[in-house]
Amino acid sequence: VMVEADYRMKLIGIGLEQPPVHMVSFIDKATAS
């Protein structure tokens, strides 16, 4: 359970999995800065 949740969270963060609810991903806001 822990490993799966960790994996899925990071996929959402970088835009590889679309979350079922609206949220801000890391890739939405990431810049060179």
PDB file of all heavy atoms in Angstrom:
ATOM      1  N   VAL A   1       0.830  -1.204   0.000  1.00  0.00           N
ATOM      2  CA  VAL A   1       0.000   0.000   0.000  1.00  0.00           C
ATOM      3  C   VAL A   1       0.864   1.253   0.000  1.00  0.00           C
ATOM      4  O   VAL A   1       0.627   2.194  -0.766  1.00  0.00           O
ATOM      5  CB  VAL A   1      -0.952  -0.006   1.213  1.00  0.00           C
ATOM      6  CG1 VAL A   1      -1.611   1.363   1.399  1.00  0.00           C
ATOM      7  CG2 VAL A   1      -2.024  -1.079   1.052  1.00  0.00           C
ATOM      8  N   MET A   2       1.873   1.301   0.856  1.00  0.00           N
ATOM      9  CA  MET A   2       2.728   2.485   0.935  1.00  0.00           C
ATOM     10  C   MET A   2       3.438   2.746  -0.385  1.00  0.00           C
ATOM     11  O   MET A   2       3.478   3.883  -0.871  1.00  0.00           O
ATOM     12  CB  MET A   2       3.756   2.323   2.061  1.00  0.00           C
ATOM     13  CG  MET A   2       3.181   2.302   3.449  1.00  0.00           C
ATOM     14  SD  MET A   2       4.462   2.435   4.729  1.00  0.00           S
ATOM     15  CE  MET A   2       5.415   0.935   4.437  1.00  0.00           C
ATOM     16  N   VAL A   3       3.994   1.703  -0.974  1.00  0.00           N
ATOM     17  CA  VAL A   3       4.756   1.865  -2.203  1.00  0.00           C
ATOM     18  C   VAL A   3       3.846   2.284  -3.354  1.00  0.00           C
ATOM     19  O   VAL A   3       4.180   3.159  -4.159  1.00  0.00           O
ATOM     20  CB  VAL A   3       5.518   0.565  -2.540  1.00  0.00           C
ATOM     21  CG1 VAL A   3       6.199   0.666  -3.887  1.00  0.00           C
ATOM     22  CG2 VAL A   3       6.547   0.256  -1.451  1.00  0.00           C
ATOM     23  N   GLU A   4       2.670   1.672  -3.421  1.00  0.00           N
ATOM     24  CA  GLU A   4       1.733   2.036  -4.483  1.00  0.00           C
ATOM     25  C   GLU A   4       1.305   3.497  -4.384  1.00  0.00           C
ATOM     26  O   GLU A   4       1.293   4.231  -5.375  1.00  0.00           O
ATOM     27  CB  GLU A   4       0.500   1.146  -4.436  1.00  0.00           C
ATOM     28  CG  GLU A   4      -0.550   1.538  -5.458  1.00  0.00           C
ATOM     29  CD  GLU A   4      -1.808   0.694  -5.378  1.00  0.00           C
ATOM     30  OE1 GLU A   4      -1.797  -0.367  -4.725  1.00  0.00           O
ATOM     31  OE2 GLU A   4      -2.807   1.119  -5.984  1.00  0.00           O
ATOM     32  N   ALA A   5       0.952   3.935  -3.184  1.00  0.00           N
ATOM     33  CA  ALA A   5       0.516   5.320  -2.999  1.00  0.00           C
ATOM     34  C   ALA A   5       1.627   6.290  -3.370  1.00  0.00           C
ATOM     35  O   ALA A   5       1.380   7.332  -3.998  1.00  0.00           O
ATOM     36  CB  ALA A   5       0.074   5.546  -1.557  1.00  0.00           C
ATOM     37  N   ASP A   6       2.847   5.966  -2.992  1.00  0.00           N
ATOM     38  CA  ASP A   6       3.991   6.814  -3.329  1.00  0.00           C
ATOM     39  C   ASP A   6       4.158   6.905  -4.839  1.00  0.00           C
ATOM     40  O   ASP A   6       4.342   7.989  -5.412  1.00  0.00           O
ATOM     41  CB  ASP A   6       5.239   6.237  -2.661  1.00  0.00           C
ATOM     42  CG  ASP A   6       6.479   7.059  -2.957  1.00  0.00           C
ATOM     43  OD1 ASP A   6       6.368   8.284  -3.056  1.00  0.00           O
ATOM     44  OD2 ASP A   6       7.563   6.464  -3.095  1.00  0.00           O
ATOM     45  N   TYR A   7       4.110   5.765  -5.501  1.00  0.00           N
ATOM     46  CA  TYR A   7       4.251   5.702  -6.959  1.00  0.00           C
ATOM     47  C   TYR A   7       3.191   6.535  -7.665  1.00  0.00           C
ATOM     48  O   TYR A   7       3.473   7.365  -8.535  1.00  0.00           O
ATOM     49  CB  TYR A   7       4.164   4.241  -7.388  1.00  0.00           C
ATOM     50  CG  TYR A   7       4.065   4.015  -8.873  1.00  0.00           C
ATOM     51  CD1 TYR A   7       5.165   4.194  -9.704  1.00  0.00           C
ATOM     52  CD2 TYR A   7       2.859   3.615  -9.450  1.00  0.00           C
ATOM     53  CE1 TYR A   7       5.079   3.970 -11.068  1.00  0.00           C
ATOM     54  CE2 TYR A   7       2.754   3.395 -10.807  1.00  0.00           C
ATOM     55  CZ  TYR A   7       3.870   3.577 -11.609  1.00  0.00           C
ATOM     56  OH  TYR A   7       3.762   3.364 -12.952  1.00  0.00           O
ATOM     57  N   ARG A   8       1.927   6.323  -7.285  1.00  0.00           N
ATOM     58  CA  ARG A   8       0.824   7.006  -7.947  1.00  0.00           C
ATOM     59  C   ARG A   8       0.890   8.506  -7.721  1.00  0.00           C
ATOM     60  O   ARG A   8       0.579   9.305  -8.613  1.00  0.00           O
ATOM     61  CB  ARG A   8      -0.502   6.444  -7.433  1.00  0.00           C
ATOM     62  CG  ARG A   8      -0.743   4.968  -7.730  1.00  0.00           C
ATOM     63  CD  ARG A   8      -1.282   4.739  -9.101  1.00  0.00           C
ATOM     64  NE  ARG A   8      -2.556   5.403  -9.272  1.00  0.00           N
ATOM     65  CZ  ARG A   8      -3.724   4.927  -8.793  1.00  0.00           C
ATOM     66  NH1 ARG A   8      -3.753   3.778  -8.135  1.00  0.00           N
ATOM     67  NH2 ARG A   8      -4.833   5.587  -8.999  1.00  0.00           N
ATOM     68  N   MET A   9       1.282   8.923  -6.527  1.00  0.00           N
ATOM     69  CA  MET A   9       1.387  10.354  -6.234  1.00  0.00           C
ATOM     70  C   MET A   9       2.390  11.033  -7.154  1.00  0.00           C
ATOM     71  O   MET A   9       2.144  12.120  -7.693  1.00  0.00           O
ATOM     72  CB  MET A   9       1.783  10.546  -4.768  1.00  0.00           C
ATOM     73  CG  MET A   9       2.160  11.959  -4.366  1.00  0.00           C
ATOM     74  SD  MET A   9       3.947  12.288  -4.550  1.00  0.00           S
ATOM     75  CE  MET A   9       4.640  11.212  -3.301  1.00  0.00           C
ATOM     76  N   LYS A  10       3.548  10.392  -7.366  1.00  0.00           N
ATOM     77  CA  LYS A  10       4.562  11.013  -8.208  1.00  0.00           C
ATOM     78  C   LYS A  10       4.119  11.063  -9.676  1.00  0.00           C
ATOM     79  O   LYS A  10       4.443  12.011 -10.393  1.00  0.00           O
ATOM     80  CB  LYS A  10       5.890  10.281  -8.056  1.00  0.00           C
ATOM     81  CG  LYS A  10       6.592  10.635  -6.749  1.00  0.00           C
ATOM     82  CD  LYS A  10       8.024  10.168  -6.749  1.00  0.00           C
ATOM     83  CE  LYS A  10       8.143   8.682  -6.548  1.00  0.00           C
ATOM     84  NZ  LYS A  10       7.760   8.255  -5.193  1.00  0.00           N
ATOM     85  N   LEU A  11       3.371  10.067 -10.119  1.00  0.00           N
ATOM     86  CA  LEU A  11       2.854  10.114 -11.488  1.00  0.00           C
ATOM     87  C   LEU A  11       1.916  11.306 -11.672  1.00  0.00           C
ATOM     88  O   LEU A  11       1.926  11.969 -12.709  1.00  0.00           O
ATOM     89  CB  LEU A  11       2.125   8.814 -11.823  1.00  0.00           C
ATOM     90  CG  LEU A  11       2.967   7.544 -11.948  1.00  0.00           C
ATOM     91  CD1 LEU A  11       2.095   6.397 -12.435  1.00  0.00           C
ATOM     92  CD2 LEU A  11       4.155   7.735 -12.862  1.00  0.00           C
ATOM     93  N   ILE A  12       1.108  11.581 -10.663  1.00  0.00           N
ATOM     94  CA  ILE A  12       0.236  12.759 -10.718  1.00  0.00           C
ATOM     95  C   ILE A  12       1.077  14.032 -10.747  1.00  0.00           C
ATOM     96  O   ILE A  12       0.824  14.951 -11.522  1.00  0.00           O
ATOM     97  CB  ILE A  12      -0.728  12.775  -9.519  1.00  0.00           C
ATOM     98  CG1 ILE A  12      -1.783  11.670  -9.662  1.00  0.00           C
ATOM     99  CG2 ILE A  12      -1.418  14.146  -9.393  1.00  0.00           C
ATOM    100  CD1 ILE A  12      -2.697  11.528  -8.459  1.00  0.00           C
ATOM    101  N   GLY A  13       2.114  14.069  -9.924  1.00  0.00           N
ATOM    102  CA  GLY A  13       2.946  15.258  -9.820  1.00  0.00           C
ATOM    103  C   GLY A  13       3.586  15.662 -11.129  1.00  0.00           C
ATOM    104  O   GLY A  13       3.694  16.853 -11.432  1.00  0.00           O
ATOM    105  N   ILE A  14       4.005  14.675 -11.921  1.00  0.00           N
ATOM    106  CA  ILE A  14       4.698  15.011 -13.171  1.00  0.00           C
ATOM    107  C   ILE A  14       3.808  14.906 -14.395  1.00  0.00           C
ATOM    108  O   ILE A  14       4.275  15.024 -15.523  1.00  0.00           O
ATOM    109  CB  ILE A  14       5.938  14.122 -13.377  1.00  0.00           C
ATOM    110  CG1 ILE A  14       5.531  12.668 -13.609  1.00  0.00           C
ATOM    111  CG2 ILE A  14       6.900  14.257 -12.218  1.00  0.00           C
ATOM    112  CD1 ILE A  14       6.638  11.829 -14.184  1.00  0.00           C
ATOM    113  N   GLY A  15       2.512  14.688 -14.188  1.00  0.00           N
ATOM    114  CA  GLY A  15       1.593  14.710 -15.307  1.00  0.00           C
ATOM    115  C   GLY A  15       1.428  13.417 -16.061  1.00  0.00           C
ATOM    116  O   GLY A  15       0.855  13.399 -17.152  1.00  0.00           O
ATOM    117  N   LEU A  16       1.897  12.286 -15.495  1.00  0.00           N
ATOM    118  CA  LEU A  16       1.734  10.994 -16.162  1.00  0.00           C
ATOM    119  C   LEU A  16       0.437  10.295 -15.782  1.00  0.00           C
ATOM    120  O   LEU A  16       0.043   9.330 -16.423  1.00  0.00           O
ATOM    121  CB  LEU A  16       2.914  10.080 -15.839  1.00  0.00           C
ATOM    122  CG  LEU A  16       4.206  10.364 -16.608  1.00  0.00           C
ATOM    123  CD1 LEU A  16       5.307   9.417 -16.163  1.00  0.00           C
ATOM    124  CD2 LEU A  16       3.982  10.249 -18.108  1.00  0.00           C
ATOM    125  N   GLU A  17      -0.199  10.749 -14.730  1.00  0.00           N
ATOM    126  CA  GLU A  17      -1.512  10.216 -14.367  1.00  0.00           C
ATOM    127  C   GLU A  17      -2.430  11.389 -14.056  1.00  0.00           C
ATOM    128  O   GLU A  17      -2.073  12.279 -13.283  1.00  0.00           O
ATOM    129  CB  GLU A  17      -1.429   9.277 -13.156  1.00  0.00           C
ATOM    130  CG  GLU A  17      -2.785   8.710 -12.771  1.00  0.00           C
ATOM    131  CD  GLU A  17      -2.706   7.717 -11.617  1.00  0.00           C
ATOM    132  OE1 GLU A  17      -1.768   6.906 -11.602  1.00  0.00           O
ATOM    133  OE2 GLU A  17      -3.587   7.759 -10.744  1.00  0.00           O
ATOM    134  N   GLN A  18      -3.598  11.374 -14.667  1.00  0.00           N
ATOM    135  CA  GLN A  18      -4.573  12.429 -14.433  1.00  0.00           C
ATOM    136  C   GLN A  18      -5.337  12.123 -13.149  1.00  0.00           C
ATOM    137  O   GLN A  18      -5.993  11.090 -13.048  1.00  0.00           O
ATOM    138  CB  GLN A  18      -5.552  12.519 -15.605  1.00  0.00           C
ATOM    139  CG  GLN A  18      -6.555  13.656 -15.504  1.00  0.00           C
ATOM    140  CD  GLN A  18      -5.898  15.018 -15.569  1.00  0.00           C
ATOM    141  OE1 GLN A  18      -4.915  15.206 -16.263  1.00  0.00           O
ATOM    142  NE2 GLN A  18      -6.455  15.977 -14.850  1.00  0.00           N
ATOM    143  N   PRO A  19      -5.286  12.999 -12.144  1.00  0.00           N
ATOM    144  CA  PRO A  19      -6.016  12.713 -10.915  1.00  0.00           C
ATOM    145  C   PRO A  19      -7.516  12.810 -11.138  1.00  0.00           C
ATOM    146  O   PRO A  19      -7.969  13.556 -12.026  1.00  0.00           O
ATOM    147  CB  PRO A  19      -5.530  13.812  -9.962  1.00  0.00           C
ATOM    148  CG  PRO A  19      -5.127  14.939 -10.849  1.00  0.00           C
ATOM    149  CD  PRO A  19      -4.568  14.280 -12.088  1.00  0.00           C
ATOM    150  N   PRO A  20      -8.312  12.087 -10.362  1.00  0.00           N
ATOM    151  CA  PRO A  20      -9.765  12.121 -10.544  1.00  0.00           C
ATOM    152  C   PRO A  20     -10.418  13.371  -9.974  1.00  0.00           C
ATOM    153  O   PRO A  20     -11.630  13.538 -10.082  1.00  0.00           O
ATOM    154  CB  PRO A  20     -10.231  10.855  -9.800  1.00  0.00           C
ATOM    155  CG  PRO A  20      -9.205  10.669  -8.734  1.00  0.00           C
ATOM    156  CD  PRO A  20      -7.905  11.103  -9.339  1.00  0.00           C
ATOM    157  N   VAL A  21      -9.645  14.231  -9.329  1.00  0.00           N
ATOM    158  CA  VAL A  21     -10.150  15.494  -8.795  1.00  0.00           C
ATOM    159  C   VAL A  21      -9.230  16.614  -9.263  1.00  0.00           C
ATOM    160  O   VAL A  21      -8.074  16.381  -9.635  1.00  0.00           O
ATOM    161  CB  VAL A  21     -10.227  15.475  -7.254  1.00  0.00           C
ATOM    162  CG1 VAL A  21     -11.129  14.352  -6.783  1.00  0.00           C
ATOM    163  CG2 VAL A  21      -8.843  15.321  -6.637  1.00  0.00           C
ATOM    164  N   HIS A  22      -9.732  17.836  -9.231  1.00  0.00           N
ATOM    165  CA  HIS A  22      -8.916  18.961  -9.663  1.00  0.00           C
ATOM    166  C   HIS A  22      -7.854  19.282  -8.615  1.00  0.00           C
ATOM    167  O   HIS A  22      -8.155  19.418  -7.437  1.00  0.00           O
ATOM    168  CB  HIS A  22      -9.792  20.195  -9.889  1.00  0.00           C
ATOM    169  CG  HIS A  22      -8.997  21.423 -10.251  1.00  0.00           C
ATOM    170  ND1 HIS A  22      -8.393  21.569 -11.483  1.00  0.00           N
ATOM    171  CD2 HIS A  22      -8.688  22.535  -9.529  1.00  0.00           C
ATOM    172  CE1 HIS A  22      -7.754  22.722 -11.521  1.00  0.00           C
ATOM    173  NE2 HIS A  22      -7.924  23.331 -10.356  1.00  0.00           N
ATOM    174  N   MET A  23      -6.610  19.392  -9.059  1.00  0.00           N
ATOM    175  CA  MET A  23      -5.531  19.818  -8.181  1.00  0.00           C
ATOM    176  C   MET A  23      -4.394  20.371  -9.023  1.00  0.00           C
ATOM    177  O   MET A  23      -4.333  20.159 -10.239  1.00  0.00           O
ATOM    178  CB  MET A  23      -5.031  18.664  -7.300  1.00  0.00           C
ATOM    179  CG  MET A  23      -4.315  17.566  -8.060  1.00  0.00           C
ATOM    180  SD  MET A  23      -3.521  16.357  -6.959  1.00  0.00           S
ATOM    181  CE  MET A  23      -4.950  15.662  -6.145  1.00  0.00           C
ATOM    182  N   VAL A  24      -3.492  21.076  -8.367  1.00  0.00           N
ATOM    183  CA  VAL A  24      -2.320  21.630  -9.031  1.00  0.00           C
ATOM    184  C   VAL A  24      -1.215  20.585  -9.005  1.00  0.00           C
ATOM    185  O   VAL A  24      -0.859  20.081  -7.940  1.00  0.00           O
ATOM    186  CB  VAL A  24      -1.844  22.913  -8.335  1.00  0.00           C
ATOM    187  CG1 VAL A  24      -0.547  23.426  -8.973  1.00  0.00           C
ATOM    188  CG2 VAL A  24      -2.927  23.982  -8.396  1.00  0.00           C
ATOM    189  N   SER A  25      -0.659  20.240 -10.161  1.00  0.00           N
ATOM    190  CA  SER A  25       0.471  19.317 -10.203  1.00  0.00           C
ATOM    191  C   SER A  25       1.771  20.094 -10.171  1.00  0.00           C
ATOM    192  O   SER A  25       1.798  21.315 -10.375  1.00  0.00           O
ATOM    193  CB  SER A  25       0.417  18.449 -11.459  1.00  0.00           C
ATOM    194  OG  SER A  25       0.737  19.212 -12.609  1.00  0.00           O
ATOM    195  N   PHE A  26       2.850  19.393  -9.934  1.00  0.00           N
ATOM    196  CA  PHE A  26       4.167  20.028  -9.961  1.00  0.00           C
ATOM    197  C   PHE A  26       4.463  20.586 -11.347  1.00  0.00           C
ATOM    198  O   PHE A  26       4.930  21.719 -11.495  1.00  0.00           O
ATOM    199  CB  PHE A  26       5.234  19.009  -9.560  1.00  0.00           C
ATOM    200  CG  PHE A  26       6.640  19.518  -9.725  1.00  0.00           C
ATOM    201  CD1 PHE A  26       7.214  20.343  -8.776  1.00  0.00           C
ATOM    202  CD2 PHE A  26       7.381  19.174 -10.844  1.00  0.00           C
ATOM    203  CE1 PHE A  26       8.502  20.825  -8.930  1.00  0.00           C
ATOM    204  CE2 PHE A  26       8.670  19.644 -11.011  1.00  0.00           C
ATOM    205  CZ  PHE A  26       9.233  20.469 -10.051  1.00  0.00           C
ATOM    206  N   ILE A  27       4.178  19.811 -12.361  1.00  0.00           N
ATOM    207  CA  ILE A  27       4.513  20.226 -13.712  1.00  0.00           C
ATOM    208  C   ILE A  27       3.699  21.428 -14.154  1.00  0.00           C
ATOM    209  O   ILE A  27       4.099  22.195 -15.027  1.00  0.00           O
ATOM    210  CB  ILE A  27       4.371  19.045 -14.704  1.00  0.00           C
ATOM    211  CG1 ILE A  27       5.126  19.349 -16.008  1.00  0.00           C
ATOM    212  CG2 ILE A  27       2.923  18.718 -14.956  1.00  0.00           C
ATOM    213  CD1 ILE A  27       6.591  19.617 -15.823  1.00  0.00           C
ATOM    214  N   ASP A  28       2.511  21.636 -13.533  1.00  0.00           N
ATOM    215  CA  ASP A  28       1.714  22.818 -13.853  1.00  0.00           C
ATOM    216  C   ASP A  28       2.468  24.103 -13.515  1.00  0.00           C
ATOM    217  O   ASP A  28       2.317  25.119 -14.199  1.00  0.00           O
ATOM    218  CB  ASP A  28       0.397  22.812 -13.058  1.00  0.00           C
ATOM    219  CG  ASP A  28      -0.576  21.763 -13.547  1.00  0.00           C
ATOM    220  OD1 ASP A  28      -0.473  21.354 -14.717  1.00  0.00           O
ATOM    221  OD2 ASP A  28      -1.441  21.357 -12.749  1.00  0.00           O
ATOM    222  N   LYS A  29       3.251  24.073 -12.448  1.00  0.00           N
ATOM    223  CA  LYS A  29       3.878  25.281 -11.922  1.00  0.00           C
ATOM    224  C   LYS A  29       5.395  25.334 -12.118  1.00  0.00           C
ATOM    225  O   LYS A  29       6.007  26.368 -11.870  1.00  0.00           O
ATOM    226  CB  LYS A  29       3.588  25.393 -10.421  1.00  0.00           C
ATOM    227  CG  LYS A  29       2.104  25.514 -10.080  1.00  0.00           C
ATOM    228  CD  LYS A  29       1.534  26.830 -10.582  1.00  0.00           C
ATOM    229  CE  LYS A  29       0.092  27.008 -10.168  1.00  0.00           C
ATOM    230  NZ  LYS A  29      -0.482  28.281 -10.651  1.00  0.00           N
ATOM    231  N   ALA A  30       6.021  24.232 -12.533  1.00  0.00           N
ATOM    232  CA  ALA A  30       7.486  24.169 -12.587  1.00  0.00           C
ATOM    233  C   ALA A  30       8.056  25.128 -13.614  1.00  0.00           C
ATOM    234  O   ALA A  30       7.544  25.267 -14.715  1.00  0.00           O
ATOM    235  CB  ALA A  30       7.931  22.746 -12.894  1.00  0.00           C
ATOM    236  N   THR A  31       9.144  25.799 -13.240  1.00  0.00           N
ATOM    237  CA  THR A  31       9.885  26.678 -14.133  1.00  0.00           C
ATOM    238  C   THR A  31      11.368  26.454 -13.892  1.00  0.00           C
ATOM    239  O   THR A  31      11.773  25.778 -12.934  1.00  0.00           O
ATOM    240  CB  THR A  31       9.564  28.161 -13.871  1.00  0.00           C
ATOM    241  OG1 THR A  31      10.053  28.521 -12.570  1.00  0.00           O
ATOM    242  CG2 THR A  31       8.071  28.429 -13.946  1.00  0.00           C
ATOM    243  N   ALA A  32      12.192  27.060 -14.730  1.00  0.00           N
ATOM    244  CA  ALA A  32      13.635  26.923 -14.575  1.00  0.00           C
ATOM    245  C   ALA A  32      14.106  27.466 -13.236  1.00  0.00           C
ATOM    246  O   ALA A  32      15.121  27.023 -12.695  1.00  0.00           O
ATOM    247  CB  ALA A  32      14.349  27.651 -15.710  1.00  0.00           C
ATOM    248  N   SER A  33      13.369  28.412 -12.666  1.00  0.00           N
ATOM    249  CA  SER A  33      13.782  29.003 -11.390  1.00  0.00           C
ATOM    250  C   SER A  33      13.654  28.041 -10.227  1.00  0.00           C
ATOM    251  O   SER A  33      14.102  28.330  -9.120  1.00  0.00           O
ATOM    252  CB  SER A  33      12.945  30.252 -11.101  1.00  0.00           C
ATOM    253  OG  SER A  33      11.574  29.905 -10.948  1.00  0.00           O
TER     254      SER A  33
END
